[in-house]
Amino acid sequence: MNLDFDVDPLFSWYVVLLAFSGIALLVIGAVNVGGLKAGWRALNVLVGLGFAGYAYYLAFVFEGGTYAIFFKAFILPVLLIINAVKAAVTRSQAPAAPAAPPYQPNAQYPQQGAPYPPQGGQYPQQGAPYQQPSPYQAAAPAAPYQPPAPPQG
C-alpha cells in the first residue's frame, strides 16, 4: 500500500480524499437518497467510479514516479453532493399527495370506462349496466337540414 503519511502526507491525503469522494458519489448515485433523476444518479455513479478507481490505482498499483494532483477535480464532487442535498430538501418540502379515500366494500363503484360520476348524477341500480354512448355514433341533428329559400324577385 502506498499510503504513508510520514513520508508523503500530501500524496496520502490526496488518495484518501479521492477515495472518500468516490465512495460518497457512488452511494448518492446507487441509493436514491435525494430523489435525483436517473441522469444525475448515473453521473454520480460514473464520477464516483472514476474517483474511487484512481484512488485504488494510486494506493495499490502505483509504483512511484510522477503523478498529477488536481485539486480542482474536487469541485465536481462537491457540486454533485450539493445538488443531491438540494434535491432532498426540495423533495421533503414538497406537499404530500392527497390520500385516496378508503375502500368501501359495499359501495357501488363505476365500471372501467364509465364516466365518473355517471351522467345524471345517479348510480344505476346494482347489476344494471351503465348506458354509455359509443364513441363511433354521431349525435343526430335536432332537425334535418333545410336549405335557405331562394330569393323572391
N, C-alpha and C. Protein backbone atom coordinates (compact mmCIF):
# COMPACT_ATOMS: atom_id res chain seq x y z
N MET A 1 0.86 -1.17 0.00
CA MET A 1 0.00 0.00 0.00
C MET A 1 0.91 1.23 0.00
N ASN A 2 0.55 2.22 -0.78
CA ASN A 2 1.39 3.39 -0.99
C ASN A 2 1.10 4.55 -0.03
N LEU A 3 0.21 4.38 0.91
CA LEU A 3 -0.12 5.47 1.81
C LEU A 3 0.86 5.48 2.98
N ASP A 4 1.59 6.58 3.10
CA ASP A 4 2.50 6.77 4.22
C ASP A 4 2.47 8.25 4.58
N PHE A 5 1.73 8.57 5.62
CA PHE A 5 1.52 9.97 5.99
C PHE A 5 2.80 10.62 6.53
N ASP A 6 3.78 9.82 6.94
CA ASP A 6 5.04 10.39 7.44
C ASP A 6 5.97 10.78 6.28
N VAL A 7 6.02 9.98 5.23
CA VAL A 7 6.93 10.22 4.12
C VAL A 7 6.36 11.24 3.15
N ASP A 8 5.11 11.03 2.71
CA ASP A 8 4.49 11.93 1.72
C ASP A 8 3.03 12.20 2.13
N PRO A 9 2.80 13.13 3.06
CA PRO A 9 1.43 13.36 3.54
C PRO A 9 0.51 13.94 2.46
N LEU A 10 1.03 14.77 1.56
CA LEU A 10 0.18 15.35 0.51
C LEU A 10 -0.39 14.26 -0.39
N PHE A 11 0.46 13.36 -0.82
CA PHE A 11 0.01 12.25 -1.66
C PHE A 11 -0.99 11.38 -0.91
N SER A 12 -0.70 11.07 0.34
CA SER A 12 -1.58 10.20 1.11
C SER A 12 -2.95 10.83 1.32
N TRP A 13 -2.99 12.12 1.68
CA TRP A 13 -4.28 12.79 1.86
C TRP A 13 -5.02 12.92 0.54
N TYR A 14 -4.31 13.11 -0.56
CA TYR A 14 -4.94 13.19 -1.87
C TYR A 14 -5.66 11.89 -2.19
N VAL A 15 -4.99 10.75 -1.92
CA VAL A 15 -5.61 9.44 -2.18
C VAL A 15 -6.82 9.24 -1.28
N VAL A 16 -6.71 9.64 -0.01
CA VAL A 16 -7.84 9.49 0.91
C VAL A 16 -9.02 10.34 0.45
N LEU A 17 -8.76 11.58 0.04
CA LEU A 17 -9.84 12.45 -0.45
C LEU A 17 -10.46 11.90 -1.73
N LEU A 18 -9.65 11.36 -2.62
CA LEU A 18 -10.19 10.73 -3.83
C LEU A 18 -11.12 9.57 -3.48
N ALA A 19 -10.66 8.71 -2.58
CA ALA A 19 -11.46 7.55 -2.19
C ALA A 19 -12.75 7.99 -1.50
N PHE A 20 -12.67 8.96 -0.59
CA PHE A 20 -13.86 9.44 0.11
C PHE A 20 -14.86 10.04 -0.88
N SER A 21 -14.38 10.88 -1.79
CA SER A 21 -15.28 11.50 -2.78
C SER A 21 -15.91 10.45 -3.68
N GLY A 22 -15.11 9.49 -4.12
CA GLY A 22 -15.64 8.44 -4.99
C GLY A 22 -16.70 7.60 -4.31
N ILE A 23 -16.44 7.20 -3.08
CA ILE A 23 -17.42 6.37 -2.35
C ILE A 23 -18.68 7.16 -2.05
N ALA A 24 -18.53 8.43 -1.68
CA ALA A 24 -19.71 9.26 -1.40
C ALA A 24 -20.57 9.40 -2.66
N LEU A 25 -19.95 9.62 -3.80
CA LEU A 25 -20.73 9.77 -5.04
C LEU A 25 -21.36 8.45 -5.46
N LEU A 26 -20.68 7.35 -5.24
CA LEU A 26 -21.27 6.04 -5.54
C LEU A 26 -22.50 5.78 -4.69
N VAL A 27 -22.42 6.12 -3.41
CA VAL A 27 -23.57 5.92 -2.52
C VAL A 27 -24.73 6.82 -2.94
N ILE A 28 -24.44 8.08 -3.23
CA ILE A 28 -25.51 9.00 -3.65
C ILE A 28 -26.16 8.54 -4.94
N GLY A 29 -25.35 8.02 -5.86
CA GLY A 29 -25.91 7.57 -7.14
C GLY A 29 -26.62 6.24 -7.04
N ALA A 30 -26.11 5.32 -6.23
CA ALA A 30 -26.70 3.98 -6.14
C ALA A 30 -27.96 3.97 -5.29
N VAL A 31 -27.94 4.70 -4.18
CA VAL A 31 -29.10 4.79 -3.30
C VAL A 31 -29.73 6.15 -3.56
N ASN A 32 -30.96 6.17 -3.93
CA ASN A 32 -31.60 7.42 -4.31
C ASN A 32 -31.93 8.23 -3.06
N VAL A 33 -30.90 8.80 -2.44
CA VAL A 33 -31.09 9.49 -1.17
C VAL A 33 -31.80 10.83 -1.34
N GLY A 34 -31.63 11.49 -2.46
CA GLY A 34 -32.19 12.82 -2.59
C GLY A 34 -33.30 12.93 -3.60
N GLY A 35 -33.77 11.83 -4.14
CA GLY A 35 -34.81 11.91 -5.15
C GLY A 35 -34.27 12.44 -6.47
N LEU A 36 -33.00 12.15 -6.77
CA LEU A 36 -32.39 12.63 -8.00
C LEU A 36 -32.97 11.89 -9.20
N LYS A 37 -32.97 12.56 -10.33
CA LYS A 37 -33.40 11.93 -11.57
C LYS A 37 -32.33 10.95 -12.03
N ALA A 38 -32.69 10.08 -12.95
CA ALA A 38 -31.80 9.00 -13.38
C ALA A 38 -30.50 9.53 -13.99
N GLY A 39 -30.56 10.61 -14.74
CA GLY A 39 -29.36 11.17 -15.35
C GLY A 39 -28.36 11.65 -14.32
N TRP A 40 -28.83 12.33 -13.29
CA TRP A 40 -27.95 12.82 -12.23
C TRP A 40 -27.36 11.65 -11.44
N ARG A 41 -28.18 10.63 -11.21
CA ARG A 41 -27.69 9.46 -10.48
C ARG A 41 -26.61 8.75 -11.29
N ALA A 42 -26.81 8.62 -12.60
CA ALA A 42 -25.80 7.98 -13.45
C ALA A 42 -24.50 8.78 -13.45
N LEU A 43 -24.62 10.10 -13.51
CA LEU A 43 -23.42 10.94 -13.47
C LEU A 43 -22.68 10.77 -12.14
N ASN A 44 -23.42 10.72 -11.05
CA ASN A 44 -22.80 10.48 -9.74
C ASN A 44 -22.05 9.15 -9.71
N VAL A 45 -22.65 8.10 -10.27
CA VAL A 45 -22.01 6.79 -10.27
C VAL A 45 -20.76 6.81 -11.14
N LEU A 46 -20.84 7.42 -12.33
CA LEU A 46 -19.67 7.45 -13.22
C LEU A 46 -18.51 8.24 -12.61
N VAL A 47 -18.80 9.40 -12.07
CA VAL A 47 -17.73 10.20 -11.45
C VAL A 47 -17.20 9.48 -10.22
N GLY A 48 -18.08 8.87 -9.45
CA GLY A 48 -17.65 8.12 -8.26
C GLY A 48 -16.75 6.95 -8.62
N LEU A 49 -17.09 6.24 -9.71
CA LEU A 49 -16.23 5.15 -10.16
C LEU A 49 -14.86 5.66 -10.58
N GLY A 50 -14.84 6.81 -11.26
CA GLY A 50 -13.57 7.39 -11.68
C GLY A 50 -12.70 7.77 -10.50
N PHE A 51 -13.28 8.44 -9.54
CA PHE A 51 -12.51 8.88 -8.37
C PHE A 51 -12.04 7.68 -7.54
N ALA A 52 -12.95 6.75 -7.27
CA ALA A 52 -12.58 5.58 -6.46
C ALA A 52 -11.55 4.72 -7.20
N GLY A 53 -11.71 4.59 -8.50
CA GLY A 53 -10.75 3.81 -9.29
C GLY A 53 -9.37 4.43 -9.28
N TYR A 54 -9.29 5.75 -9.41
CA TYR A 54 -7.99 6.42 -9.40
C TYR A 54 -7.35 6.33 -8.02
N ALA A 55 -8.18 6.42 -6.97
CA ALA A 55 -7.66 6.27 -5.61
C ALA A 55 -7.10 4.87 -5.41
N TYR A 56 -7.81 3.86 -5.91
CA TYR A 56 -7.32 2.48 -5.80
C TYR A 56 -6.00 2.33 -6.54
N TYR A 57 -5.93 2.89 -7.75
CA TYR A 57 -4.70 2.80 -8.53
C TYR A 57 -3.53 3.44 -7.78
N LEU A 58 -3.73 4.64 -7.27
CA LEU A 58 -2.64 5.32 -6.58
C LEU A 58 -2.25 4.61 -5.29
N ALA A 59 -3.22 4.03 -4.59
CA ALA A 59 -2.94 3.41 -3.29
C ALA A 59 -2.31 2.02 -3.44
N PHE A 60 -2.70 1.24 -4.46
CA PHE A 60 -2.27 -0.15 -4.52
C PHE A 60 -1.45 -0.53 -5.74
N VAL A 61 -1.62 0.14 -6.87
CA VAL A 61 -0.95 -0.26 -8.10
C VAL A 61 0.24 0.64 -8.41
N PHE A 62 0.14 1.88 -8.14
CA PHE A 62 1.16 2.88 -8.46
C PHE A 62 2.49 2.51 -7.79
N GLU A 63 3.58 2.53 -8.58
CA GLU A 63 4.88 2.11 -8.06
C GLU A 63 5.87 3.27 -7.99
N GLY A 64 5.40 4.46 -7.97
CA GLY A 64 6.30 5.60 -7.86
C GLY A 64 6.46 6.30 -9.19
N GLY A 65 7.21 7.37 -9.19
CA GLY A 65 7.38 8.16 -10.40
C GLY A 65 6.59 9.45 -10.27
N THR A 66 6.11 9.92 -11.38
CA THR A 66 5.37 11.18 -11.35
C THR A 66 3.87 10.91 -11.33
N TYR A 67 3.17 11.77 -10.70
CA TYR A 67 1.71 11.72 -10.67
C TYR A 67 1.21 13.16 -10.62
N ALA A 68 0.00 13.36 -11.05
CA ALA A 68 -0.58 14.71 -11.08
C ALA A 68 -1.64 14.82 -9.99
N ILE A 69 -1.63 15.92 -9.29
CA ILE A 69 -2.64 16.20 -8.28
C ILE A 69 -3.52 17.33 -8.82
N PHE A 70 -4.78 17.05 -8.96
CA PHE A 70 -5.74 18.03 -9.46
C PHE A 70 -6.72 18.35 -8.34
N PHE A 71 -6.42 19.40 -7.59
CA PHE A 71 -7.35 19.78 -6.53
C PHE A 71 -8.62 20.39 -7.10
N LYS A 72 -8.55 20.92 -8.31
CA LYS A 72 -9.76 21.45 -8.95
C LYS A 72 -10.77 20.34 -9.24
N ALA A 73 -10.29 19.12 -9.32
CA ALA A 73 -11.19 18.00 -9.59
C ALA A 73 -12.17 17.79 -8.44
N PHE A 74 -11.86 18.29 -7.25
CA PHE A 74 -12.76 18.11 -6.11
C PHE A 74 -13.94 19.07 -6.15
N ILE A 75 -13.94 19.99 -7.09
CA ILE A 75 -15.09 20.89 -7.24
C ILE A 75 -16.30 20.09 -7.73
N LEU A 76 -16.10 19.16 -8.67
CA LEU A 76 -17.22 18.38 -9.21
C LEU A 76 -17.92 17.54 -8.15
N PRO A 77 -17.21 16.77 -7.31
CA PRO A 77 -17.94 16.03 -6.28
C PRO A 77 -18.68 16.93 -5.31
N VAL A 78 -18.07 18.07 -4.98
CA VAL A 78 -18.75 19.00 -4.06
C VAL A 78 -20.05 19.49 -4.70
N LEU A 79 -20.00 19.85 -5.98
CA LEU A 79 -21.21 20.31 -6.67
C LEU A 79 -22.26 19.21 -6.77
N LEU A 80 -21.84 17.98 -7.04
CA LEU A 80 -22.80 16.88 -7.14
C LEU A 80 -23.42 16.56 -5.78
N ILE A 81 -22.65 16.65 -4.73
CA ILE A 81 -23.20 16.41 -3.39
C ILE A 81 -24.17 17.53 -3.01
N ILE A 82 -23.82 18.77 -3.33
CA ILE A 82 -24.74 19.89 -3.08
C ILE A 82 -26.03 19.71 -3.85
N ASN A 83 -25.94 19.25 -5.11
CA ASN A 83 -27.13 19.01 -5.92
C ASN A 83 -28.03 17.93 -5.29
N ALA A 84 -27.42 16.87 -4.76
CA ALA A 84 -28.21 15.81 -4.12
C ALA A 84 -28.88 16.32 -2.85
N VAL A 85 -28.16 17.12 -2.06
CA VAL A 85 -28.76 17.67 -0.83
C VAL A 85 -29.89 18.62 -1.18
N LYS A 86 -29.69 19.44 -2.20
CA LYS A 86 -30.73 20.38 -2.64
C LYS A 86 -31.98 19.63 -3.11
N ALA A 87 -31.79 18.54 -3.85
CA ALA A 87 -32.93 17.73 -4.30
C ALA A 87 -33.65 17.10 -3.12
N ALA A 88 -32.90 16.66 -2.11
CA ALA A 88 -33.53 16.05 -0.94
C ALA A 88 -34.34 17.08 -0.16
N VAL A 89 -33.81 18.29 -0.02
CA VAL A 89 -34.53 19.34 0.70
C VAL A 89 -35.78 19.74 -0.06
N THR A 90 -35.67 19.88 -1.37
CA THR A 90 -36.83 20.24 -2.20
C THR A 90 -37.89 19.15 -2.12
N ARG A 91 -37.45 17.90 -2.15
CA ARG A 91 -38.40 16.78 -2.08
C ARG A 91 -39.11 16.73 -0.74
N SER A 92 -38.39 17.04 0.34
CA SER A 92 -39.01 16.98 1.67
C SER A 92 -39.97 18.14 1.90
N GLN A 93 -39.77 19.26 1.21
CA GLN A 93 -40.65 20.41 1.37
C GLN A 93 -41.85 20.38 0.44
N ALA A 94 -41.87 19.45 -0.52
CA ALA A 94 -42.99 19.36 -1.46
C ALA A 94 -44.23 18.87 -0.70
N PRO A 95 -45.41 19.42 -1.07
CA PRO A 95 -46.62 18.96 -0.38
C PRO A 95 -46.91 17.50 -0.72
N ALA A 96 -47.40 16.79 0.25
CA ALA A 96 -47.72 15.38 0.05
C ALA A 96 -48.94 15.24 -0.84
N ALA A 97 -48.97 14.19 -1.62
CA ALA A 97 -50.11 13.92 -2.49
C ALA A 97 -51.32 13.58 -1.62
N PRO A 98 -52.51 14.02 -2.03
CA PRO A 98 -53.68 13.70 -1.21
C PRO A 98 -53.92 12.19 -1.18
N ALA A 99 -54.32 11.72 -0.04
CA ALA A 99 -54.56 10.29 0.12
C ALA A 99 -55.87 9.90 -0.56
N ALA A 100 -55.91 8.71 -1.11
CA ALA A 100 -57.11 8.19 -1.75
C ALA A 100 -58.13 7.87 -0.66
N PRO A 101 -59.41 8.01 -0.97
CA PRO A 101 -60.41 7.66 0.04
C PRO A 101 -60.34 6.17 0.33
N PRO A 102 -60.67 5.77 1.54
CA PRO A 102 -60.59 4.36 1.88
C PRO A 102 -61.59 3.53 1.08
N TYR A 103 -61.26 2.29 0.85
CA TYR A 103 -62.12 1.38 0.11
C TYR A 103 -63.35 1.05 0.94
N GLN A 104 -64.50 1.10 0.31
CA GLN A 104 -65.74 0.74 0.98
C GLN A 104 -66.31 -0.47 0.26
N PRO A 105 -66.36 -1.61 0.91
CA PRO A 105 -66.73 -2.86 0.22
C PRO A 105 -68.16 -2.87 -0.31
N ASN A 106 -69.10 -2.15 0.29
CA ASN A 106 -70.49 -2.21 -0.16
C ASN A 106 -70.86 -1.06 -1.10
N ALA A 107 -69.93 -0.18 -1.40
CA ALA A 107 -70.21 0.95 -2.28
C ALA A 107 -70.25 0.47 -3.73
N GLN A 108 -71.03 1.16 -4.54
CA GLN A 108 -71.12 0.82 -5.96
C GLN A 108 -70.14 1.72 -6.72
N TYR A 109 -69.08 1.12 -7.22
CA TYR A 109 -68.08 1.85 -7.97
C TYR A 109 -68.39 1.74 -9.46
N PRO A 110 -68.12 2.79 -10.23
CA PRO A 110 -68.38 2.70 -11.67
C PRO A 110 -67.42 1.70 -12.32
N GLN A 111 -67.90 1.10 -13.41
CA GLN A 111 -67.06 0.17 -14.14
C GLN A 111 -66.00 0.95 -14.90
N GLN A 112 -64.96 0.26 -15.30
CA GLN A 112 -63.89 0.92 -16.03
C GLN A 112 -64.42 1.42 -17.36
N GLY A 113 -64.10 2.64 -17.68
CA GLY A 113 -64.56 3.23 -18.94
C GLY A 113 -65.84 4.02 -18.78
N ALA A 114 -66.53 3.85 -17.65
CA ALA A 114 -67.76 4.58 -17.42
C ALA A 114 -67.42 5.98 -16.91
N PRO A 115 -68.25 6.95 -17.22
CA PRO A 115 -67.98 8.29 -16.69
C PRO A 115 -68.07 8.30 -15.17
N TYR A 116 -67.29 9.14 -14.56
CA TYR A 116 -67.28 9.19 -13.09
C TYR A 116 -67.57 10.59 -12.66
N PRO A 117 -68.62 10.92 -11.98
CA PRO A 117 -69.78 10.07 -11.71
C PRO A 117 -70.62 9.88 -12.98
N PRO A 118 -71.47 8.87 -13.01
CA PRO A 118 -72.26 8.62 -14.22
C PRO A 118 -73.12 9.83 -14.56
N GLN A 119 -73.46 9.92 -15.84
CA GLN A 119 -74.28 11.04 -16.29
C GLN A 119 -75.61 11.03 -15.56
N GLY A 120 -76.06 12.20 -15.21
CA GLY A 120 -77.31 12.31 -14.46
C GLY A 120 -77.07 12.35 -12.96
N GLY A 121 -75.85 12.09 -12.52
CA GLY A 121 -75.53 12.20 -11.12
C GLY A 121 -75.99 11.04 -10.26
N GLN A 122 -76.67 10.07 -10.81
CA GLN A 122 -77.16 8.94 -10.04
C GLN A 122 -76.50 7.66 -10.53
N TYR A 123 -76.19 6.80 -9.62
CA TYR A 123 -75.65 5.50 -9.99
C TYR A 123 -76.81 4.58 -10.36
N PRO A 124 -76.62 3.69 -11.32
CA PRO A 124 -77.70 2.75 -11.65
C PRO A 124 -77.89 1.73 -10.53
N GLN A 125 -78.97 1.05 -10.59
CA GLN A 125 -79.24 0.01 -9.60
C GLN A 125 -78.17 -1.07 -9.71
N GLN A 126 -77.94 -1.76 -8.60
CA GLN A 126 -76.92 -2.79 -8.60
C GLN A 126 -77.26 -3.85 -9.64
N GLY A 127 -76.29 -4.16 -10.49
CA GLY A 127 -76.47 -5.16 -11.54
C GLY A 127 -76.92 -4.56 -12.85
N ALA A 128 -77.40 -3.31 -12.85
CA ALA A 128 -77.85 -2.69 -14.11
C ALA A 128 -76.62 -2.17 -14.86
N PRO A 129 -76.60 -2.37 -16.18
CA PRO A 129 -75.43 -1.91 -16.94
C PRO A 129 -75.44 -0.39 -17.08
N TYR A 130 -74.27 0.16 -17.23
CA TYR A 130 -74.15 1.59 -17.49
C TYR A 130 -74.51 1.87 -18.94
N GLN A 131 -75.25 2.91 -19.15
CA GLN A 131 -75.59 3.32 -20.51
C GLN A 131 -74.56 4.36 -20.93
N GLN A 132 -73.72 3.96 -21.84
CA GLN A 132 -72.68 4.86 -22.31
C GLN A 132 -72.72 4.87 -23.83
N PRO A 133 -72.77 6.06 -24.43
CA PRO A 133 -72.84 6.10 -25.89
C PRO A 133 -71.53 5.60 -26.50
N SER A 134 -71.65 4.99 -27.65
CA SER A 134 -70.48 4.52 -28.36
C SER A 134 -69.74 5.72 -28.94
N PRO A 135 -68.42 5.72 -28.90
CA PRO A 135 -67.69 6.86 -29.48
C PRO A 135 -67.80 6.91 -30.98
N TYR A 136 -68.33 5.83 -31.61
CA TYR A 136 -68.44 5.79 -33.07
C TYR A 136 -69.79 6.28 -33.58
N GLN A 137 -70.72 6.53 -32.67
CA GLN A 137 -72.02 7.03 -33.09
C GLN A 137 -72.01 8.55 -33.06
N ALA A 138 -72.43 9.13 -34.14
CA ALA A 138 -72.52 10.58 -34.19
C ALA A 138 -73.90 10.99 -33.64
N ALA A 139 -73.91 12.12 -33.01
CA ALA A 139 -75.18 12.62 -32.48
C ALA A 139 -76.07 13.03 -33.65
N ALA A 140 -77.33 12.66 -33.58
CA ALA A 140 -78.28 13.03 -34.64
C ALA A 140 -78.62 14.50 -34.53
N PRO A 141 -78.72 15.20 -35.66
CA PRO A 141 -79.08 16.62 -35.58
C PRO A 141 -80.50 16.79 -35.06
N ALA A 142 -80.76 17.90 -34.45
CA ALA A 142 -82.08 18.16 -33.88
C ALA A 142 -83.14 18.21 -34.96
N ALA A 143 -82.85 18.81 -36.08
CA ALA A 143 -83.81 18.88 -37.19
C ALA A 143 -83.02 18.68 -38.47
N PRO A 144 -83.66 18.09 -39.51
CA PRO A 144 -82.95 17.91 -40.77
C PRO A 144 -82.57 19.27 -41.37
N TYR A 145 -81.54 19.26 -42.16
CA TYR A 145 -81.04 20.49 -42.77
C TYR A 145 -82.03 20.99 -43.81
N GLN A 146 -82.35 22.26 -43.70
CA GLN A 146 -83.24 22.91 -44.67
C GLN A 146 -82.43 23.98 -45.39
N PRO A 147 -82.28 23.85 -46.73
CA PRO A 147 -81.58 24.92 -47.45
C PRO A 147 -82.39 26.21 -47.38
N PRO A 148 -81.69 27.33 -47.46
CA PRO A 148 -82.43 28.59 -47.42
C PRO A 148 -83.33 28.76 -48.65
N ALA A 149 -84.40 29.44 -48.47
CA ALA A 149 -85.35 29.67 -49.57
C ALA A 149 -84.71 30.62 -50.59
N PRO A 150 -84.93 30.36 -51.89
CA PRO A 150 -84.39 31.27 -52.91
C PRO A 150 -85.03 32.64 -52.80
N PRO A 151 -84.26 33.64 -53.13
CA PRO A 151 -84.82 34.99 -53.03
C PRO A 151 -85.98 35.20 -54.03
N GLN A 152 -86.94 35.91 -53.63
CA GLN A 152 -88.11 36.17 -54.48
C GLN A 152 -87.88 37.47 -55.23
N GLY A 153 -88.00 37.42 -56.48
CA GLY A 153 -87.67 38.63 -57.11
C GLY A 153 -88.29 39.01 -58.30
